[in-house]
Amino acid sequence: MQGPDREVVALAADLVRIDSSNPTLAPQGSGESTIADYCAAWLSTRGFTTVRLESTPGRPSILATGAGRGGGRSIMLNGHLDTVSLAAYDGDPSPSPASPPPAPAPTSASTPSPRPAPS
């Protein structure tokens, strides 16, 4: 795998490794601070201006702006930084026979650093 595909896969893998469990839904949830820091750094290395908004401690959002080069149209993308843990899950979280076993839970020591933008 080469080029942009490799970067997309690496970004997805990094984001999945970061615990961003919503503390409102799971008392042990870590919140979004770590993933917000990661996303802000990733975006900054790619030329975006970022602003951290945090009206609730530990539950930040990142606003990123990429400057255009002309008078063309703009686009806004919006997404969630939090995830929902299995802490309150009532069903059987074990995989079906056709599913691979779940990956081990990440630890704070395994939080990835954003990769630099490709040259």
C-alpha atoms as a PDB file:
ATOM      1  CA  MET A   1       0.000   0.000   0.000  1.00  0.00           C
ATOM      2  CA  GLN A   2       1.399   3.377  -0.961  1.00  0.00           C
ATOM      3  CA  GLY A   3       0.674   7.093  -0.915  1.00  0.00           C
ATOM      4  CA  PRO A   4      -2.556   8.501   0.481  1.00  0.00           C
ATOM      5  CA  ASP A   5      -4.013   5.048   1.169  1.00  0.00           C
ATOM      6  CA  ARG A   6      -1.198   4.283   3.605  1.00  0.00           C
ATOM      7  CA  GLU A   7      -1.760   7.602   5.402  1.00  0.00           C
ATOM      8  CA  VAL A   8      -5.515   7.020   5.690  1.00  0.00           C
ATOM      9  CA  VAL A   9      -5.007   3.535   7.134  1.00  0.00           C
ATOM     10  CA  ALA A  10      -2.374   4.827   9.591  1.00  0.00           C
ATOM     11  CA  LEU A  11      -4.659   7.674  10.697  1.00  0.00           C
ATOM     12  CA  ALA A  12      -7.602   5.312  11.212  1.00  0.00           C
ATOM     13  CA  ALA A  13      -5.413   2.906  13.218  1.00  0.00           C
ATOM     14  CA  ASP A  14      -4.121   5.741  15.422  1.00  0.00           C
ATOM     15  CA  LEU A  15      -7.625   7.085  16.081  1.00  0.00           C
ATOM     16  CA  VAL A  16      -8.965   3.642  16.995  1.00  0.00           C
ATOM     17  CA  ARG A  17      -6.124   3.155  19.517  1.00  0.00           C
ATOM     18  CA  ILE A  18      -6.977   6.347  21.436  1.00  0.00           C
ATOM     19  CA  ASP A  19      -9.495   5.863  24.248  1.00  0.00           C
ATOM     20  CA  SER A  20     -12.141   8.563  23.823  1.00  0.00           C
ATOM     21  CA  SER A  21     -14.936   6.927  25.812  1.00  0.00           C
ATOM     22  CA  ASN A  22     -17.741   9.314  26.689  1.00  0.00           C
ATOM     23  CA  PRO A  23     -17.624   9.809  30.503  1.00  0.00           C
ATOM     24  CA  THR A  24     -21.326  10.700  30.531  1.00  0.00           C
ATOM     25  CA  LEU A  25     -22.161   7.169  29.365  1.00  0.00           C
ATOM     26  CA  ALA A  26     -19.392   5.272  31.178  1.00  0.00           C
ATOM     27  CA  PRO A  27     -18.109   6.634  34.513  1.00  0.00           C
ATOM     28  CA  GLN A  28     -14.571   5.416  33.731  1.00  0.00           C
ATOM     29  CA  GLY A  29     -14.625   7.086  30.313  1.00  0.00           C
ATOM     30  CA  SER A  30     -11.497   9.090  29.592  1.00  0.00           C
ATOM     31  CA  GLY A  31     -13.232  11.831  27.620  1.00  0.00           C
ATOM     32  CA  GLU A  32     -11.996  13.418  24.441  1.00  0.00           C
ATOM     33  CA  SER A  33      -8.907  15.382  25.576  1.00  0.00           C
ATOM     34  CA  THR A  34      -6.311  12.954  24.198  1.00  0.00           C
ATOM     35  CA  ILE A  35      -8.019  12.441  20.855  1.00  0.00           C
ATOM     36  CA  ALA A  36      -8.673  16.195  20.542  1.00  0.00           C
ATOM     37  CA  ASP A  37      -4.960  16.873  21.107  1.00  0.00           C
ATOM     38  CA  TYR A  38      -4.071  14.245  18.496  1.00  0.00           C
ATOM     39  CA  CYS A  39      -6.530  15.617  15.920  1.00  0.00           C
ATOM     40  CA  ALA A  40      -5.404  19.211  16.481  1.00  0.00           C
ATOM     41  CA  ALA A  41      -1.752  18.221  16.020  1.00  0.00           C
ATOM     42  CA  TRP A  42      -2.547  16.127  12.920  1.00  0.00           C
ATOM     43  CA  LEU A  43      -4.508  18.966  11.356  1.00  0.00           C
ATOM     44  CA  SER A  44      -1.897  21.599  12.290  1.00  0.00           C
ATOM     45  CA  THR A  45       0.872  19.652  10.550  1.00  0.00           C
ATOM     46  CA  ARG A  46      -1.264  19.763   7.399  1.00  0.00           C
ATOM     47  CA  GLY A  47      -1.716  23.539   7.387  1.00  0.00           C
ATOM     48  CA  PHE A  48      -4.995  23.911   9.266  1.00  0.00           C
ATOM     49  CA  THR A  49      -5.498  26.557  11.930  1.00  0.00           C
ATOM     50  CA  THR A  50      -7.024  24.898  14.985  1.00  0.00           C
ATOM     51  CA  VAL A  51      -8.963  26.221  17.951  1.00  0.00           C
ATOM     52  CA  ARG A  52      -9.828  24.125  20.992  1.00  0.00           C
ATOM     53  CA  LEU A  53     -13.313  24.681  22.410  1.00  0.00           C
ATOM     54  CA  GLU A  54     -14.001  23.187  25.838  1.00  0.00           C
ATOM     55  CA  SER A  55     -17.167  24.328  27.600  1.00  0.00           C
ATOM     56  CA  THR A  56     -17.190  21.093  29.637  1.00  0.00           C
ATOM     57  CA  PRO A  57     -13.822  20.079  31.161  1.00  0.00           C
ATOM     58  CA  GLY A  58     -12.443  16.937  29.500  1.00  0.00           C
ATOM     59  CA  ARG A  59     -14.937  17.152  26.627  1.00  0.00           C
ATOM     60  CA  PRO A  60     -13.250  19.429  24.060  1.00  0.00           C
ATOM     61  CA  SER A  61     -14.036  19.987  20.423  1.00  0.00           C
ATOM     62  CA  ILE A  62     -11.582  21.077  17.756  1.00  0.00           C
ATOM     63  CA  LEU A  63     -12.429  23.685  15.152  1.00  0.00           C
ATOM     64  CA  ALA A  64     -10.041  23.494  12.198  1.00  0.00           C
ATOM     65  CA  THR A  65      -9.909  25.945   9.332  1.00  0.00           C
ATOM     66  CA  GLY A  66      -8.082  25.402   6.072  1.00  0.00           C
ATOM     67  CA  ALA A  67      -7.561  28.630   4.169  1.00  0.00           C
ATOM     68  CA  GLY A  68      -8.651  28.621   0.563  1.00  0.00           C
ATOM     69  CA  ARG A  69      -6.781  30.106  -2.368  1.00  0.00           C
ATOM     70  CA  GLY A  70      -9.533  31.961  -4.122  1.00  0.00           C
ATOM     71  CA  GLY A  71     -13.166  32.937  -4.076  1.00  0.00           C
ATOM     72  CA  GLY A  72     -14.559  29.447  -4.501  1.00  0.00           C
ATOM     73  CA  ARG A  73     -17.063  27.583  -2.391  1.00  0.00           C
ATOM     74  CA  SER A  74     -16.378  26.358   1.148  1.00  0.00           C
ATOM     75  CA  ILE A  75     -17.134  23.056   2.784  1.00  0.00           C
ATOM     76  CA  MET A  76     -17.673  22.275   6.454  1.00  0.00           C
ATOM     77  CA  LEU A  77     -17.139  18.803   7.900  1.00  0.00           C
ATOM     78  CA  ASN A  78     -18.370  17.827  11.346  1.00  0.00           C
ATOM     79  CA  GLY A  79     -17.713  14.703  13.366  1.00  0.00           C
ATOM     80  CA  HIS A  80     -17.654  13.290  16.875  1.00  0.00           C
ATOM     81  CA  LEU A  81     -14.510  12.748  18.910  1.00  0.00           C
ATOM     82  CA  ASP A  82     -16.151  10.605  21.595  1.00  0.00           C
ATOM     83  CA  THR A  83     -16.885   6.910  21.461  1.00  0.00           C
ATOM     84  CA  VAL A  84     -19.182   4.685  23.494  1.00  0.00           C
ATOM     85  CA  SER A  85     -17.569   1.972  25.598  1.00  0.00           C
ATOM     86  CA  LEU A  86     -19.008  -1.476  26.237  1.00  0.00           C
ATOM     87  CA  ALA A  87     -19.258  -0.728  29.989  1.00  0.00           C
ATOM     88  CA  ALA A  88     -23.070  -0.641  29.951  1.00  0.00           C
ATOM     89  CA  TYR A  89     -23.563  -3.130  27.111  1.00  0.00           C
ATOM     90  CA  ASP A  90     -26.265  -5.693  27.944  1.00  0.00           C
ATOM     91  CA  GLY A  91     -25.599  -8.165  25.130  1.00  0.00           C
ATOM     92  CA  ASP A  92     -22.849 -10.658  24.474  1.00  0.00           C
ATOM     93  CA  PRO A  93     -19.827  -8.724  23.187  1.00  0.00           C
ATOM     94  CA  SER A  94     -17.982 -11.908  22.253  1.00  0.00           C
ATOM     95  CA  PRO A  95     -17.278 -12.243  18.534  1.00  0.00           C
ATOM     96  CA  SER A  96     -19.264 -14.522  16.301  1.00  0.00           C
ATOM     97  CA  PRO A  97     -17.354 -17.516  14.855  1.00  0.00           C
ATOM     98  CA  ALA A  98     -16.722 -15.560  11.634  1.00  0.00           C
ATOM     99  CA  SER A  99     -15.400 -12.478  13.485  1.00  0.00           C
ATOM    100  CA  PRO A 100     -11.805 -11.998  14.583  1.00  0.00           C
ATOM    101  CA  PRO A 101     -11.183 -11.620  18.323  1.00  0.00           C
ATOM    102  CA  PRO A 102     -11.267  -8.033  19.620  1.00  0.00           C
ATOM    103  CA  ALA A 103      -7.994  -6.128  19.907  1.00  0.00           C
ATOM    104  CA  PRO A 104      -6.638  -5.560  23.409  1.00  0.00           C
ATOM    105  CA  ALA A 105      -7.785  -2.351  25.098  1.00  0.00           C
ATOM    106  CA  PRO A 106      -5.386   0.560  24.569  1.00  0.00           C
ATOM    107  CA  THR A 107      -3.468   2.071  27.429  1.00  0.00           C
ATOM    108  CA  SER A 108      -2.333   5.636  27.818  1.00  0.00           C
ATOM    109  CA  ALA A 109       1.210   4.434  27.113  1.00  0.00           C
ATOM    110  CA  SER A 110       0.105   3.326  23.648  1.00  0.00           C
ATOM    111  CA  THR A 111      -1.373   6.682  22.612  1.00  0.00           C
ATOM    112  CA  PRO A 112       0.139   7.378  19.208  1.00  0.00           C
ATOM    113  CA  SER A 113       1.716  10.629  18.113  1.00  0.00           C
ATOM    114  CA  PRO A 114       0.421  12.217  14.933  1.00  0.00           C
ATOM    115  CA  ARG A 115       2.457  11.316  11.889  1.00  0.00           C
ATOM    116  CA  PRO A 116       3.951  14.168   9.895  1.00  0.00           C
ATOM    117  CA  ALA A 117       2.283  15.185   6.667  1.00  0.00           C
ATOM    118  CA  PRO A 118       3.727  13.369   3.653  1.00  0.00           C
ATOM    119  CA  SER A 119       6.196  15.339   1.564  1.00  0.00           C
END
